[in-house]
C-alpha atoms as a PDB file:
ATOM      1  CA  UNK A   1      -7.717  -6.396  24.985  1.00  0.00           C
ATOM      2  CA  UNK A   2      -9.094  -5.060  21.711  1.00  0.00           C
ATOM      3  CA  UNK A   3     -11.631  -7.193  19.840  1.00  0.00           C
ATOM      4  CA  UNK A   4     -11.578  -6.921  16.062  1.00  0.00           C
ATOM      5  CA  UNK A   5     -13.333  -8.192  12.983  1.00  0.00           C
ATOM      6  CA  UNK A   6     -11.483  -9.145   9.830  1.00  0.00           C
ATOM      7  CA  UNK A   7     -13.564  -8.640   6.718  1.00  0.00           C
ATOM      8  CA  UNK A   8     -12.044 -10.470   3.783  1.00  0.00           C
ATOM      9  CA  UNK A   9     -10.428 -13.830   4.529  1.00  0.00           C
ATOM     10  CA  UNK A  10      -8.194 -14.163   1.487  1.00  0.00           C
ATOM     11  CA  UNK A  11      -4.412 -13.932   1.289  1.00  0.00           C
ATOM     12  CA  UNK A  12      -4.112 -10.411   2.707  1.00  0.00           C
ATOM     13  CA  UNK A  13      -6.732 -10.942   5.409  1.00  0.00           C
ATOM     14  CA  UNK A  14      -4.822 -14.004   6.546  1.00  0.00           C
ATOM     15  CA  UNK A  15      -1.526 -12.064   6.539  1.00  0.00           C
ATOM     16  CA  UNK A  16      -3.079  -9.376   8.714  1.00  0.00           C
ATOM     17  CA  UNK A  17      -4.503 -11.985  11.076  1.00  0.00           C
ATOM     18  CA  UNK A  18      -1.146 -13.694  11.449  1.00  0.00           C
ATOM     19  CA  UNK A  19       0.661 -10.427  12.213  1.00  0.00           C
ATOM     20  CA  UNK A  20      -1.537  -9.073  15.015  1.00  0.00           C
ATOM     21  CA  UNK A  21      -0.129  -7.963  18.375  1.00  0.00           C
ATOM     22  CA  UNK A  22      -0.720 -10.512  21.159  1.00  0.00           C
ATOM     23  CA  UNK A  23      -3.255  -8.334  22.951  1.00  0.00           C
ATOM     24  CA  UNK A  24      -5.556  -8.198  19.896  1.00  0.00           C
ATOM     25  CA  UNK A  25      -8.311 -10.797  19.620  1.00  0.00           C
ATOM     26  CA  UNK A  26     -10.104 -11.674  16.385  1.00  0.00           C
ATOM     27  CA  UNK A  27     -13.755 -12.026  17.409  1.00  0.00           C
ATOM     28  CA  UNK A  28     -15.335 -12.317  13.959  1.00  0.00           C
ATOM     29  CA  UNK A  29     -14.229 -13.168  10.428  1.00  0.00           C
ATOM     30  CA  UNK A  30     -16.401 -12.177   7.478  1.00  0.00           C
ATOM     31  CA  UNK A  31     -16.207 -13.320   3.886  1.00  0.00           C
ATOM     32  CA  UNK A  32     -18.736 -14.001   1.138  1.00  0.00           C
ATOM     33  CA  UNK A  33     -16.840 -17.232   0.482  1.00  0.00           C
ATOM     34  CA  UNK A  34     -17.973 -19.356   3.398  1.00  0.00           C
ATOM     35  CA  UNK A  35     -15.211 -21.944   3.008  1.00  0.00           C
ATOM     36  CA  UNK A  36     -12.271 -19.559   3.362  1.00  0.00           C
ATOM     37  CA  UNK A  37     -14.135 -17.441   5.907  1.00  0.00           C
ATOM     38  CA  UNK A  38     -14.837 -20.383   8.196  1.00  0.00           C
ATOM     39  CA  UNK A  39     -11.277 -21.680   7.778  1.00  0.00           C
ATOM     40  CA  UNK A  40      -9.694 -18.396   8.880  1.00  0.00           C
ATOM     41  CA  UNK A  41     -12.168 -18.086  11.758  1.00  0.00           C
ATOM     42  CA  UNK A  42     -11.399 -21.640  12.886  1.00  0.00           C
ATOM     43  CA  UNK A  43      -7.644 -21.083  12.691  1.00  0.00           C
ATOM     44  CA  UNK A  44      -7.841 -18.039  14.979  1.00  0.00           C
ATOM     45  CA  UNK A  45     -10.584 -19.134  17.367  1.00  0.00           C
ATOM     46  CA  UNK A  46     -13.109 -16.654  15.990  1.00  0.00           C
ATOM     47  CA  UNK A  47     -16.671 -16.970  14.756  1.00  0.00           C
ATOM     48  CA  UNK A  48     -17.634 -16.783  11.100  1.00  0.00           C
ATOM     49  CA  UNK A  49     -20.200 -14.289   9.850  1.00  0.00           C
ATOM     50  CA  UNK A  50     -21.209 -13.835   6.224  1.00  0.00           C
ATOM     51  CA  UNK A  51     -22.852 -10.413   6.708  1.00  0.00           C
ATOM     52  CA  UNK A  52     -20.278  -7.732   7.506  1.00  0.00           C
ATOM     53  CA  UNK A  53     -23.027  -5.469   8.892  1.00  0.00           C
ATOM     54  CA  UNK A  54     -23.485  -7.820  11.838  1.00  0.00           C
ATOM     55  CA  UNK A  55     -19.784  -7.651  12.604  1.00  0.00           C
ATOM     56  CA  UNK A  56     -19.459  -3.869  12.471  1.00  0.00           C
ATOM     57  CA  UNK A  57     -22.609  -3.370  14.574  1.00  0.00           C
ATOM     58  CA  UNK A  58     -21.322  -5.705  17.303  1.00  0.00           C
ATOM     59  CA  UNK A  59     -20.769  -3.567  20.414  1.00  0.00           C
ATOM     60  CA  UNK A  60     -17.943  -5.876  21.555  1.00  0.00           C
ATOM     61  CA  UNK A  61     -15.865  -5.133  18.448  1.00  0.00           C
ATOM     62  CA  UNK A  62     -13.713  -2.003  18.584  1.00  0.00           C
ATOM     63  CA  UNK A  63     -11.820  -2.191  15.278  1.00  0.00           C
ATOM     64  CA  UNK A  64     -12.180  -3.632  11.807  1.00  0.00           C
ATOM     65  CA  UNK A  65      -9.587  -4.726   9.261  1.00  0.00           C
ATOM     66  CA  UNK A  66     -10.978  -4.672   5.718  1.00  0.00           C
ATOM     67  CA  UNK A  67      -9.085  -6.808   3.189  1.00  0.00           C
ATOM     68  CA  UNK A  68     -11.608  -7.194   0.383  1.00  0.00           C
ATOM     69  CA  UNK A  69     -11.601  -6.466  -3.317  1.00  0.00           C
ATOM     70  CA  UNK A  70     -11.455  -2.740  -4.092  1.00  0.00           C
ATOM     71  CA  UNK A  71     -15.175  -2.306  -4.729  1.00  0.00           C
ATOM     72  CA  UNK A  72     -16.047  -3.191  -1.110  1.00  0.00           C
ATOM     73  CA  UNK A  73     -13.316  -1.193   0.651  1.00  0.00           C
ATOM     74  CA  UNK A  74     -15.031   2.188   0.867  1.00  0.00           C
ATOM     75  CA  UNK A  75     -18.609   0.973   1.473  1.00  0.00           C
ATOM     76  CA  UNK A  76     -17.501  -1.260   4.350  1.00  0.00           C
ATOM     77  CA  UNK A  77     -15.035   1.341   5.629  1.00  0.00           C
ATOM     78  CA  UNK A  78     -17.633   4.120   5.719  1.00  0.00           C
ATOM     79  CA  UNK A  79     -20.194   1.853   7.383  1.00  0.00           C
ATOM     80  CA  UNK A  80     -17.659   0.844  10.055  1.00  0.00           C
ATOM     81  CA  UNK A  81     -16.627   4.459  10.717  1.00  0.00           C
ATOM     82  CA  UNK A  82     -20.284   5.420  11.169  1.00  0.00           C
ATOM     83  CA  UNK A  83     -20.573   2.622  13.745  1.00  0.00           C
ATOM     84  CA  UNK A  84     -17.664   4.167  15.634  1.00  0.00           C
ATOM     85  CA  UNK A  85     -15.189   1.417  14.756  1.00  0.00           C
ATOM     86  CA  UNK A  86     -11.510   2.055  14.096  1.00  0.00           C
ATOM     87  CA  UNK A  87     -10.645   0.926  10.574  1.00  0.00           C
ATOM     88  CA  UNK A  88      -7.587  -0.404   8.770  1.00  0.00           C
ATOM     89  CA  UNK A  89      -8.386  -0.578   5.050  1.00  0.00           C
ATOM     90  CA  UNK A  90      -6.081  -2.293   2.600  1.00  0.00           C
ATOM     91  CA  UNK A  91      -4.691  -0.084  -0.131  1.00  0.00           C
ATOM     92  CA  UNK A  92      -5.851   1.663  -2.231  1.00  0.00           C
ATOM     93  CA  UNK A  93      -8.828   2.247   0.106  1.00  0.00           C
ATOM     94  CA  UNK A  94     -11.276   2.866  -2.726  1.00  0.00           C
ATOM     95  CA  UNK A  95     -11.884   2.329  -6.451  1.00  0.00           C
ATOM     96  CA  UNK A  96     -11.281   6.012  -7.237  1.00  0.00           C
ATOM     97  CA  UNK A  97     -10.603   9.381  -5.557  1.00  0.00           C
ATOM     98  CA  UNK A  98     -14.285  10.380  -5.389  1.00  0.00           C
ATOM     99  CA  UNK A  99     -15.058   7.235  -3.389  1.00  0.00           C
ATOM    100  CA  UNK A 100     -12.064   7.849  -1.130  1.00  0.00           C
ATOM    101  CA  UNK A 101     -13.405  11.266  -0.168  1.00  0.00           C
ATOM    102  CA  UNK A 102     -16.358   9.483   1.446  1.00  0.00           C
ATOM    103  CA  UNK A 103     -13.907   8.008   3.967  1.00  0.00           C
ATOM    104  CA  UNK A 104     -12.479  11.431   4.783  1.00  0.00           C
ATOM    105  CA  UNK A 105     -15.942  12.943   5.238  1.00  0.00           C
ATOM    106  CA  UNK A 106     -17.113  10.051   7.433  1.00  0.00           C
ATOM    107  CA  UNK A 107     -14.022  10.319   9.659  1.00  0.00           C
ATOM    108  CA  UNK A 108     -14.617  14.063  10.117  1.00  0.00           C
ATOM    109  CA  UNK A 109     -18.044  13.352  11.580  1.00  0.00           C
ATOM    110  CA  UNK A 110     -17.026  10.254  13.537  1.00  0.00           C
ATOM    111  CA  UNK A 111     -13.485  10.704  14.956  1.00  0.00           C
ATOM    112  CA  UNK A 112     -11.891   7.252  14.901  1.00  0.00           C
ATOM    113  CA  UNK A 113      -8.525   5.907  13.782  1.00  0.00           C
ATOM    114  CA  UNK A 114      -8.528   5.208  10.043  1.00  0.00           C
ATOM    115  CA  UNK A 115      -5.480   3.871   8.239  1.00  0.00           C
ATOM    116  CA  UNK A 116      -4.813   2.722   4.671  1.00  0.00           C
ATOM    117  CA  UNK A 117      -2.676  -0.410   4.505  1.00  0.00           C
ATOM    118  CA  UNK A 118       0.523   0.632   2.770  1.00  0.00           C
ATOM    119  CA  UNK A 119       2.724  -2.003   4.381  1.00  0.00           C
ATOM    120  CA  UNK A 120       5.742  -1.323   2.127  1.00  0.00           C
ATOM    121  CA  UNK A 121       6.589   1.722   4.261  1.00  0.00           C
ATOM    122  CA  UNK A 122       7.296  -0.707   7.094  1.00  0.00           C
ATOM    123  CA  UNK A 123       9.796  -2.927   5.265  1.00  0.00           C
ATOM    124  CA  UNK A 124      13.049  -2.634   7.185  1.00  0.00           C
ATOM    125  CA  UNK A 125      15.187  -1.583   4.212  1.00  0.00           C
ATOM    126  CA  UNK A 126      12.738   1.139   3.190  1.00  0.00           C
ATOM    127  CA  UNK A 127      12.454   2.361   6.777  1.00  0.00           C
ATOM    128  CA  UNK A 128      16.268   2.446   7.050  1.00  0.00           C
ATOM    129  CA  UNK A 129      16.424   4.476   3.841  1.00  0.00           C
ATOM    130  CA  UNK A 130      13.994   6.950   5.407  1.00  0.00           C
ATOM    131  CA  UNK A 131      16.368   7.364   8.371  1.00  0.00           C
ATOM    132  CA  UNK A 132      19.301   8.064   6.027  1.00  0.00           C
ATOM    133  CA  UNK A 133      17.316  10.556   3.941  1.00  0.00           C
ATOM    134  CA  UNK A 134      16.001  12.396   7.005  1.00  0.00           C
ATOM    135  CA  UNK A 135      19.486  12.661   8.537  1.00  0.00           C
ATOM    136  CA  UNK A 136      20.584  14.939   5.661  1.00  0.00           C
ATOM    137  CA  UNK A 137      24.080  13.478   6.084  1.00  0.00           C
ATOM    138  CA  UNK A 138      24.410  13.072   2.320  1.00  0.00           C
ATOM    139  CA  UNK A 139      22.459  16.131   1.256  1.00  0.00           C
ATOM    140  CA  UNK A 140      19.038  16.422  -0.330  1.00  0.00           C
ATOM    141  CA  UNK A 141      17.305  13.871  -2.519  1.00  0.00           C
ATOM    142  CA  UNK A 142      17.755  14.744  -6.189  1.00  0.00           C
ATOM    143  CA  UNK A 143      15.607  12.008  -7.677  1.00  0.00           C
ATOM    144  CA  UNK A 144      14.080   8.591  -7.111  1.00  0.00           C
ATOM    145  CA  UNK A 145      14.010   5.762  -9.630  1.00  0.00           C
ATOM    146  CA  UNK A 146      12.050   2.580  -9.011  1.00  0.00           C
ATOM    147  CA  UNK A 147      10.556  -0.446 -10.697  1.00  0.00           C
ATOM    148  CA  UNK A 148       8.135  -2.930  -9.222  1.00  0.00           C
ATOM    149  CA  UNK A 149       6.680  -5.882 -11.051  1.00  0.00           C
ATOM    150  CA  UNK A 150       5.562  -9.480 -11.139  1.00  0.00           C
ATOM    151  CA  UNK A 151       4.704 -12.016 -13.806  1.00  0.00           C
ATOM    152  CA  UNK A 152       1.228 -12.912 -12.543  1.00  0.00           C
ATOM    153  CA  UNK A 153      -0.105 -16.429 -13.262  1.00  0.00           C
ATOM    154  CA  UNK A 154      -2.107 -18.355 -15.808  1.00  0.00           C
ATOM    155  CA  UNK A 155      -5.533 -16.793 -16.305  1.00  0.00           C
ATOM    156  CA  UNK A 156      -4.565 -13.568 -14.532  1.00  0.00           C
ATOM    157  CA  UNK A 157      -6.341 -11.456 -17.135  1.00  0.00           C
ATOM    158  CA  UNK A 158      -9.650 -13.067 -16.182  1.00  0.00           C
ATOM    159  CA  UNK A 159      -9.329 -12.283 -12.466  1.00  0.00           C
ATOM    160  CA  UNK A 160     -11.063  -9.462 -10.578  1.00  0.00           C
ATOM    161  CA  UNK A 161      -8.049  -7.158 -10.880  1.00  0.00           C
ATOM    162  CA  UNK A 162      -8.929  -6.619 -14.534  1.00  0.00           C
ATOM    163  CA  UNK A 163     -12.629  -5.956 -13.954  1.00  0.00           C
ATOM    164  CA  UNK A 164     -13.121  -2.164 -13.906  1.00  0.00           C
ATOM    165  CA  UNK A 165     -16.265  -2.315 -11.756  1.00  0.00           C
ATOM    166  CA  UNK A 166     -14.450  -4.322  -9.100  1.00  0.00           C
ATOM    167  CA  UNK A 167     -10.861  -3.044  -9.224  1.00  0.00           C
ATOM    168  CA  UNK A 168     -11.314   0.540 -10.433  1.00  0.00           C
ATOM    169  CA  UNK A 169      -7.890   0.443 -12.100  1.00  0.00           C
ATOM    170  CA  UNK A 170      -5.196  -1.979 -13.198  1.00  0.00           C
ATOM    171  CA  UNK A 171      -1.508  -2.379 -12.381  1.00  0.00           C
ATOM    172  CA  UNK A 172      -0.960   1.337 -11.774  1.00  0.00           C
ATOM    173  CA  UNK A 173      -3.577   1.264  -9.013  1.00  0.00           C
ATOM    174  CA  UNK A 174      -2.480  -2.149  -7.728  1.00  0.00           C
ATOM    175  CA  UNK A 175       1.322  -1.940  -7.378  1.00  0.00           C
ATOM    176  CA  UNK A 176       1.949   1.551  -8.728  1.00  0.00           C
ATOM    177  CA  UNK A 177       0.195   3.147  -5.766  1.00  0.00           C
ATOM    178  CA  UNK A 178       2.833   1.604  -3.463  1.00  0.00           C
ATOM    179  CA  UNK A 179       5.575   3.403  -5.403  1.00  0.00           C
ATOM    180  CA  UNK A 180       3.664   6.690  -5.270  1.00  0.00           C
ATOM    181  CA  UNK A 181       3.186   6.276  -1.523  1.00  0.00           C
ATOM    182  CA  UNK A 182       6.882   5.555  -1.012  1.00  0.00           C
ATOM    183  CA  UNK A 183       7.902   8.566  -3.085  1.00  0.00           C
ATOM    184  CA  UNK A 184       5.610  10.625  -0.873  1.00  0.00           C
ATOM    185  CA  UNK A 185       7.322   9.217   2.217  1.00  0.00           C
ATOM    186  CA  UNK A 186      10.736  10.427   1.024  1.00  0.00           C
ATOM    187  CA  UNK A 187       9.869  13.575  -0.926  1.00  0.00           C
ATOM    188  CA  UNK A 188       6.444  14.728   0.227  1.00  0.00           C
ATOM    189  CA  UNK A 189       3.557  15.404  -2.110  1.00  0.00           C
ATOM    190  CA  UNK A 190       4.415  16.011  -5.746  1.00  0.00           C
ATOM    191  CA  UNK A 191       2.469  18.538  -7.795  1.00  0.00           C
ATOM    192  CA  UNK A 192       3.025  17.088 -11.269  1.00  0.00           C
ATOM    193  CA  UNK A 193       2.088  13.549 -12.309  1.00  0.00           C
ATOM    194  CA  UNK A 194       2.416  12.328 -15.891  1.00  0.00           C
ATOM    195  CA  UNK A 195       2.703   8.904 -17.456  1.00  0.00           C
ATOM    196  CA  UNK A 196       1.234   6.137 -19.532  1.00  0.00           C
ATOM    197  CA  UNK A 197      -0.923   3.157 -18.587  1.00  0.00           C
ATOM    198  CA  UNK A 198      -0.818   0.444 -21.224  1.00  0.00           C
ATOM    199  CA  UNK A 199      -2.753  -2.746 -21.993  1.00  0.00           C
ATOM    200  CA  UNK A 200       0.053  -4.897 -23.373  1.00  0.00           C
ATOM    201  CA  UNK A 201      -0.651  -8.531 -22.578  1.00  0.00           C
ATOM    202  CA  UNK A 202      -3.180  -9.670 -19.981  1.00  0.00           C
ATOM    203  CA  UNK A 203      -6.401  -7.840 -20.799  1.00  0.00           C
ATOM    204  CA  UNK A 204      -7.965  -5.123 -22.926  1.00  0.00           C
ATOM    205  CA  UNK A 205     -10.030  -3.927 -19.955  1.00  0.00           C
ATOM    206  CA  UNK A 206      -7.355  -2.456 -17.682  1.00  0.00           C
ATOM    207  CA  UNK A 207      -3.623  -1.774 -17.885  1.00  0.00           C
ATOM    208  CA  UNK A 208      -0.947  -4.304 -17.045  1.00  0.00           C
ATOM    209  CA  UNK A 209       1.936  -1.812 -17.322  1.00  0.00           C
ATOM    210  CA  UNK A 210       2.435   1.779 -16.191  1.00  0.00           C
ATOM    211  CA  UNK A 211       5.343   4.157 -16.691  1.00  0.00           C
ATOM    212  CA  UNK A 212       5.050   7.430 -14.797  1.00  0.00           C
ATOM    213  CA  UNK A 213       6.910  10.418 -13.395  1.00  0.00           C
ATOM    214  CA  UNK A 214       6.205  12.704 -10.451  1.00  0.00           C
ATOM    215  CA  UNK A 215       7.820  16.122  -9.931  1.00  0.00           C
ATOM    216  CA  UNK A 216       7.598  18.753  -7.213  1.00  0.00           C
ATOM    217  CA  UNK A 217       8.207  22.490  -7.321  1.00  0.00           C
ATOM    218  CA  UNK A 218      11.761  22.022  -6.019  1.00  0.00           C
ATOM    219  CA  UNK A 219      12.591  19.987  -9.120  1.00  0.00           C
ATOM    220  CA  UNK A 220      12.845  16.633  -7.329  1.00  0.00           C
ATOM    221  CA  UNK A 221      11.656  13.781  -9.533  1.00  0.00           C
ATOM    222  CA  UNK A 222      10.395  10.243  -9.014  1.00  0.00           C
ATOM    223  CA  UNK A 223      10.623   8.126 -12.162  1.00  0.00           C
ATOM    224  CA  UNK A 224       8.647   4.921 -11.627  1.00  0.00           C
ATOM    225  CA  UNK A 225       7.255   1.849 -13.360  1.00  0.00           C
ATOM    226  CA  UNK A 226       4.876  -0.941 -12.346  1.00  0.00           C
ATOM    227  CA  UNK A 227       4.288  -4.093 -14.365  1.00  0.00           C
ATOM    228  CA  UNK A 228       2.569  -7.466 -14.207  1.00  0.00           C
ATOM    229  CA  UNK A 229       4.396  -8.653 -17.313  1.00  0.00           C
ATOM    230  CA  UNK A 230       7.677  -8.743 -15.406  1.00  0.00           C
ATOM    231  CA  UNK A 231       8.415 -12.432 -15.890  1.00  0.00           C
ATOM    232  CA  UNK A 232      10.842 -12.447 -12.980  1.00  0.00           C
ATOM    233  CA  UNK A 233       9.416 -10.625  -9.965  1.00  0.00           C
ATOM    234  CA  UNK A 234      11.347  -7.478  -9.169  1.00  0.00           C
ATOM    235  CA  UNK A 235      11.509  -4.650  -6.652  1.00  0.00           C
ATOM    236  CA  UNK A 236      14.257  -2.063  -7.046  1.00  0.00           C
ATOM    237  CA  UNK A 237      14.081   1.346  -5.382  1.00  0.00           C
ATOM    238  CA  UNK A 238      16.898   3.870  -5.823  1.00  0.00           C
ATOM    239  CA  UNK A 239      17.265   7.204  -4.032  1.00  0.00           C
ATOM    240  CA  UNK A 240      19.898   9.548  -5.439  1.00  0.00           C
ATOM    241  CA  UNK A 241      21.216  12.022  -2.877  1.00  0.00           C
ATOM    242  CA  UNK A 242      23.693  14.817  -3.469  1.00  0.00           C
ATOM    243  CA  UNK A 243      26.570  12.811  -1.976  1.00  0.00           C
ATOM    244  CA  UNK A 244      25.319   9.212  -1.967  1.00  0.00           C
ATOM    245  CA  UNK A 245      22.998   6.711  -3.531  1.00  0.00           C
ATOM    246  CA  UNK A 246      20.675   4.353  -1.651  1.00  0.00           C
ATOM    247  CA  UNK A 247      19.526   1.220  -3.435  1.00  0.00           C
ATOM    248  CA  UNK A 248      16.931  -1.204  -2.059  1.00  0.00           C
ATOM    249  CA  UNK A 249      16.687  -4.578  -3.791  1.00  0.00           C
ATOM    250  CA  UNK A 250      13.949  -7.080  -3.040  1.00  0.00           C
ATOM    251  CA  UNK A 251      11.153  -7.225  -0.498  1.00  0.00           C
ATOM    252  CA  UNK A 252      11.521 -10.923   0.301  1.00  0.00           C
ATOM    253  CA  UNK A 253      10.158 -14.198  -1.052  1.00  0.00           C
ATOM    254  CA  UNK A 254       9.763 -14.206  -4.858  1.00  0.00           C
ATOM    255  CA  UNK A 255      11.015 -10.617  -5.046  1.00  0.00           C
ATOM    256  CA  UNK A 256      14.400 -11.603  -3.669  1.00  0.00           C
ATOM    257  CA  UNK A 257      16.256 -10.997  -0.419  1.00  0.00           C
ATOM    258  CA  UNK A 258      15.643  -7.548   1.020  1.00  0.00           C
ATOM    259  CA  UNK A 259      18.864  -5.536   1.029  1.00  0.00           C
ATOM    260  CA  UNK A 260      19.907  -1.914   1.244  1.00  0.00           C
ATOM    261  CA  UNK A 261      23.153  -0.717  -0.291  1.00  0.00           C
ATOM    262  CA  UNK A 262      24.643   2.697   0.419  1.00  0.00           C
ATOM    263  CA  UNK A 263      27.094   4.110  -2.133  1.00  0.00           C
ATOM    264  CA  UNK A 264      28.954   7.014  -0.503  1.00  0.00           C
ATOM    265  CA  UNK A 265      30.656   9.527  -2.750  1.00  0.00           C
ATOM    266  CA  UNK A 266      34.313  10.198  -1.895  1.00  0.00           C
ATOM    267  CA  UNK A 267      35.617  13.792  -1.800  1.00  0.00           C
ATOM    268  CA  UNK A 268      37.763  12.965  -4.832  1.00  0.00           C
ATOM    269  CA  UNK A 269      34.823  11.120  -6.421  1.00  0.00           C
ATOM    270  CA  UNK A 270      35.698   8.010  -8.420  1.00  0.00           C
ATOM    271  CA  UNK A 271      34.368   4.610  -7.214  1.00  0.00           C
ATOM    272  CA  UNK A 272      32.211   5.137  -4.107  1.00  0.00           C
ATOM    273  CA  UNK A 273      32.493   3.517  -0.713  1.00  0.00           C
ATOM    274  CA  UNK A 274      29.965   0.669  -0.560  1.00  0.00           C
ATOM    275  CA  UNK A 275      28.176  -0.736   2.481  1.00  0.00           C
ATOM    276  CA  UNK A 276      25.338  -3.239   2.417  1.00  0.00           C
ATOM    277  CA  UNK A 277      22.825  -4.578   4.919  1.00  0.00           C
ATOM    278  CA  UNK A 278      20.873  -7.795   4.390  1.00  0.00           C
ATOM    279  CA  UNK A 279      17.589  -8.124   6.244  1.00  0.00           C
ATOM    280  CA  UNK A 280      15.958 -11.312   7.561  1.00  0.00           C
ATOM    281  CA  UNK A 281      13.751 -13.330   5.240  1.00  0.00           C
ATOM    282  CA  UNK A 282      10.756 -12.836   7.535  1.00  0.00           C
ATOM    283  CA  UNK A 283       8.502  -9.997   6.344  1.00  0.00           C
ATOM    284  CA  UNK A 284       7.797  -7.920   9.456  1.00  0.00           C
ATOM    285  CA  UNK A 285       6.082  -5.066   7.589  1.00  0.00           C
ATOM    286  CA  UNK A 286       2.590  -6.412   8.323  1.00  0.00           C
ATOM    287  CA  UNK A 287       3.196  -6.714  12.060  1.00  0.00           C
ATOM    288  CA  UNK A 288       4.830  -3.274  12.286  1.00  0.00           C
ATOM    289  CA  UNK A 289       1.968  -1.592  10.435  1.00  0.00           C
ATOM    290  CA  UNK A 290      -0.621  -3.460  12.507  1.00  0.00           C
ATOM    291  CA  UNK A 291       1.172  -2.369  15.681  1.00  0.00           C
ATOM    292  CA  UNK A 292       1.156   1.274  14.585  1.00  0.00           C
ATOM    293  CA  UNK A 293      -2.597   1.085  13.919  1.00  0.00           C
ATOM    294  CA  UNK A 294      -3.426  -0.324  17.349  1.00  0.00           C
ATOM    295  CA  UNK A 295      -1.003   2.048  19.082  1.00  0.00           C
ATOM    296  CA  UNK A 296      -2.895   4.941  17.478  1.00  0.00           C
ATOM    297  CA  UNK A 297      -6.141   3.504  18.884  1.00  0.00           C
ATOM    298  CA  UNK A 298      -4.691   3.346  22.398  1.00  0.00           C
ATOM    299  CA  UNK A 299      -3.366   6.911  22.080  1.00  0.00           C
ATOM    300  CA  UNK A 300      -6.668   8.116  20.550  1.00  0.00           C
ATOM    301  CA  UNK A 301      -4.779   9.589  17.619  1.00  0.00           C
ATOM    302  CA  UNK A 302      -7.665  10.603  15.383  1.00  0.00           C
ATOM    303  CA  UNK A 303      -5.548  12.707  13.028  1.00  0.00           C
ATOM    304  CA  UNK A 304      -6.535  12.354   9.385  1.00  0.00           C
ATOM    305  CA  UNK A 305      -2.915  12.729   8.165  1.00  0.00           C
ATOM    306  CA  UNK A 306      -2.500   9.078   7.154  1.00  0.00           C
ATOM    307  CA  UNK A 307      -5.931   9.053   5.555  1.00  0.00           C
ATOM    308  CA  UNK A 308      -5.064  12.089   3.463  1.00  0.00           C
ATOM    309  CA  UNK A 309      -1.800  10.448   2.406  1.00  0.00           C
ATOM    310  CA  UNK A 310      -3.932   7.581   1.105  1.00  0.00           C
ATOM    311  CA  UNK A 311      -6.086  10.049  -0.809  1.00  0.00           C
ATOM    312  CA  UNK A 312      -2.973  11.662  -2.286  1.00  0.00           C
ATOM    313  CA  UNK A 313      -1.750   8.297  -3.612  1.00  0.00           C
ATOM    314  CA  UNK A 314      -5.023   7.364  -5.318  1.00  0.00           C
ATOM    315  CA  UNK A 315      -5.473  10.906  -6.664  1.00  0.00           C
ATOM    316  CA  UNK A 316      -2.041  10.773  -8.317  1.00  0.00           C
ATOM    317  CA  UNK A 317      -2.901   7.391  -9.861  1.00  0.00           C
ATOM    318  CA  UNK A 318      -5.969   8.920 -11.480  1.00  0.00           C
ATOM    319  CA  UNK A 319      -4.069  12.058 -12.541  1.00  0.00           C
ATOM    320  CA  UNK A 320      -1.766   9.709 -14.459  1.00  0.00           C
ATOM    321  CA  UNK A 321      -4.765   7.887 -15.954  1.00  0.00           C
ATOM    322  CA  UNK A 322      -6.118  11.250 -17.134  1.00  0.00           C
ATOM    323  CA  UNK A 323      -2.793  12.181 -18.728  1.00  0.00           C
ATOM    324  CA  UNK A 324      -2.499   8.787 -20.412  1.00  0.00           C
ATOM    325  CA  UNK A 325      -6.055   8.911 -21.725  1.00  0.00           C
ATOM    326  CA  UNK A 326      -5.580  12.406 -23.161  1.00  0.00           C
ATOM    327  CA  UNK A 327      -2.427  11.301 -24.956  1.00  0.00           C
ATOM    328  CA  UNK A 328      -4.094   8.159 -26.318  1.00  0.00           C
ATOM    329  CA  UNK A 329      -6.921  10.176 -27.842  1.00  0.00           C
ATOM    330  CA  UNK A 330      -4.553  12.456 -29.765  1.00  0.00           C
END
């Protein structure tokens, strides 16, 4: 039995709580909002605590899931690591790359399992695509093309996601980092990152649209866009191989049924052979990622590989911000 604390009792904290392995027990729930904190604690037979410091200093708690706004992720994460707790931090893990480095330094001194919550890697269609890519059956990846977006809700521009001191960045950091992480999963780290972050509709404080391109030294390219002015929610991820194309549509719920379609090139070319897999409506990505985190704890896998992948994603986001800002000043 592993006892955990969940810090942040909002939508994502509740998703994490509902997707825990059976042998994991929530001992404490923390949230500054007492109403939602007590409700989540009550629903899972845990106690409520407003002060996260009391939770992370509890000797009976071995691991902490942090699902707060971006400004609290690193401070709570670093404090928990220093207390010897294993930590699962929701993406992006920090407000900026400099903050994120504090996590890496803390984990060096205090070897514990630290993960950044990029649950999209664990969607079944995206995991299946990884299997196909790694098999090399259809050759190397030439390029990736993807778009990810939602239409937000009334008053969205007044929420915390558009407050620089809380969020650290806008749509590029929010949904765009998922696309960067996925491109990394298929292609590895990319040296070049260029693009534009634009304030088009919701707020003049932070961007609501981002259009960006990554390229590695082998000439493989990921051409990506993230938007919260996409009035019909969308997730489309295409991987172009030398002899086939993989297309993932949807990630469930408002983004549409999750499917993967494989278009296999014929020797004579022309219209390809087409095969499609539909996946269940239930989103199992949260439970699969949670399971991987706790498995790493049991195995004492204190490698910083996943943590450095998280740093790579946020660093590329801010490389794109730098490029966009330089262009805007010209």
